[in-house]
Protein backbone atom coordinates (compact mmCIF):
# COMPACT_ATOMS: atom_id res chain seq x y z
CA MET A 1 183.71 115.78 -18.98
CA THR A 2 186.10 113.45 -17.42
CA SER A 3 187.43 114.66 -13.66
CA PRO A 4 191.09 114.55 -13.73
CA ALA A 5 191.21 111.47 -11.11
CA ASN A 6 188.94 109.63 -13.81
CA HIS A 7 191.36 110.31 -16.50
CA TRP A 8 194.37 109.40 -14.70
CA ARG A 9 192.66 106.09 -13.72
CA GLU A 10 191.75 105.62 -17.05
CA ALA A 11 195.29 105.89 -18.35
CA LEU A 12 196.56 103.46 -15.94
CA ALA A 13 194.08 101.11 -17.14
CA GLN A 14 195.84 101.62 -20.61
CA GLY A 15 199.27 101.11 -19.30
CA ARG A 16 200.06 105.00 -19.06
CA PHE A 17 201.28 106.72 -16.08
CA LEU A 18 200.59 110.05 -16.68
CA LEU A 19 201.08 113.44 -14.75
CA GLN A 20 199.92 116.95 -14.97
CA ARG A 21 202.14 119.93 -15.88
CA ALA A 22 201.36 123.67 -14.86
CA GLY A 23 202.20 126.69 -17.13
CA ASP A 24 205.15 127.40 -14.94
CA GLY A 25 206.80 123.78 -15.88
CA SER A 26 206.05 122.08 -12.29
CA ALA A 27 204.70 118.52 -12.17
CA ILE A 28 201.58 118.06 -10.33
CA PHE A 29 200.16 114.82 -8.53
CA PRO A 30 197.48 114.11 -7.50
CA PRO A 31 195.63 115.12 -10.49
CA ARG A 32 193.43 118.31 -10.28
CA LEU A 33 191.43 120.88 -12.06
CA ALA A 34 193.86 123.75 -11.18
CA ALA A 35 197.24 124.36 -10.09
CA PRO A 36 197.89 124.57 -6.42
CA GLY A 37 198.69 128.18 -5.16
CA SER A 38 197.88 130.09 -8.42
CA GLY A 39 194.67 128.21 -9.53
CA ALA A 40 195.68 128.43 -12.93
CA ASP A 41 193.48 126.06 -15.04
CA ASP A 42 196.11 125.64 -18.02
CA LEU A 43 197.32 122.13 -16.77
CA GLU A 44 198.39 119.44 -19.46
CA TRP A 45 198.95 116.11 -19.37
CA ILE A 46 202.45 114.52 -19.90
CA GLU A 47 204.04 110.73 -19.84
CA ALA A 48 206.09 110.55 -16.58
CA SER A 49 209.53 108.87 -16.92
CA GLY A 50 208.38 106.40 -13.91
CA LEU A 51 211.67 107.06 -12.45
CA GLY A 52 212.19 108.35 -8.81
CA THR A 53 213.68 108.34 -5.58
CA VAL A 54 212.37 106.74 -1.92
CA TYR A 55 211.88 110.11 0.10
CA THR A 56 210.56 108.28 3.21
CA LEU A 57 209.32 105.04 4.09
CA SER A 58 207.39 103.11 6.83
CA TRP A 59 206.58 99.50 7.09
CA VAL A 60 203.04 97.95 8.17
CA GLN A 61 203.49 95.14 10.51
CA ARG A 62 200.62 92.49 10.25
CA ARG A 63 199.23 89.75 12.11
CA PRO A 64 201.31 86.56 11.24
CA PRO A 65 201.34 84.72 8.78
CA ALA A 66 200.71 88.04 6.64
CA GLU A 67 203.93 89.58 5.80
CA PRO A 68 204.55 93.27 6.33
CA TYR A 69 204.40 95.87 3.56
CA ASN A 70 205.97 99.29 2.95
CA VAL A 71 204.44 102.62 2.48
CA VAL A 72 206.55 105.12 0.65
CA LEU A 73 206.87 108.66 -0.49
CA ILE A 74 208.57 108.81 -3.73
CA ASP A 75 209.95 112.02 -5.42
CA LEU A 76 209.47 111.39 -9.07
CA ASP A 77 212.25 112.65 -11.42
CA GLU A 78 209.56 115.23 -12.77
CA GLY A 79 209.37 116.74 -9.40
CA ALA A 80 206.04 115.65 -8.08
CA ARG A 81 205.67 113.36 -4.98
CA LEU A 82 203.33 110.33 -4.54
CA MET A 83 202.55 107.67 -2.10
CA SER A 84 202.93 103.98 -3.18
CA ARG A 85 204.59 100.63 -2.36
CA VAL A 86 207.93 99.20 -3.44
CA GLU A 87 207.07 95.62 -4.49
CA GLY A 88 209.97 92.84 -3.84
CA ALA A 89 211.60 94.83 -0.96
CA ASP A 90 212.01 93.93 2.76
CA PRO A 91 213.42 96.14 5.49
CA GLU A 92 216.84 95.14 5.25
CA THR A 93 216.84 96.36 1.39
CA LEU A 94 214.50 99.16 1.13
CA ARG A 95 216.15 102.52 1.99
CA ILE A 96 215.48 106.33 1.62
CA GLY A 97 217.44 107.72 -1.09
CA GLN A 98 216.89 104.67 -3.36
CA ARG A 99 216.22 104.83 -6.81
CA VAL A 100 213.10 103.21 -8.14
CA SER A 101 210.96 102.74 -11.17
CA ALA A 102 207.24 102.47 -11.63
CA PHE A 103 205.03 99.82 -13.16
CA ILE A 104 201.34 99.29 -13.27
CA ASP A 105 199.60 96.39 -11.20
CA SER A 106 196.54 95.24 -13.11
CA SER A 107 196.11 92.18 -11.26
CA GLY A 108 193.40 93.50 -9.27
CA GLU A 109 189.87 95.03 -10.03
CA GLU A 110 191.48 98.43 -10.56
CA PRO A 111 195.32 99.07 -11.71
CA VAL A 112 197.43 100.29 -9.41
CA LEU A 113 200.90 102.12 -9.84
CA LEU A 114 203.65 100.44 -7.79
CA PHE A 115 207.42 100.73 -7.82
CA ARG A 116 210.43 98.15 -7.91
CA ALA A 117 213.76 99.19 -6.50
CA LEU A 118 216.67 99.62 -9.23
CA GLU A 119 219.85 98.43 -8.77
CA ASP A 120 222.58 100.66 -7.29
């Protein structure tokens, strides 16, 4: 049996962004075997819309000449919250409450779920 985390990573490798949904309809992330709180194991996989809102953010400063990068918590439209980065943003343009869209970056050894800011 494939673990939920491995199933999620395999889907990313196929270009799919999946979430789990509990029997009560709530979206769950990170992937797990049972629903938080209830322990129910009737979780199903659903395709995520990839849309969300920046809940909070932080900039990590690195030694020059390396550029700083952001770490964000995204509230997905489905209701789950996850940590990622918003690519192509800078401290002057990235803000809390900003709408974002997910994409899968497959340029490294493993695919990574990242976000881009949407136009206001």
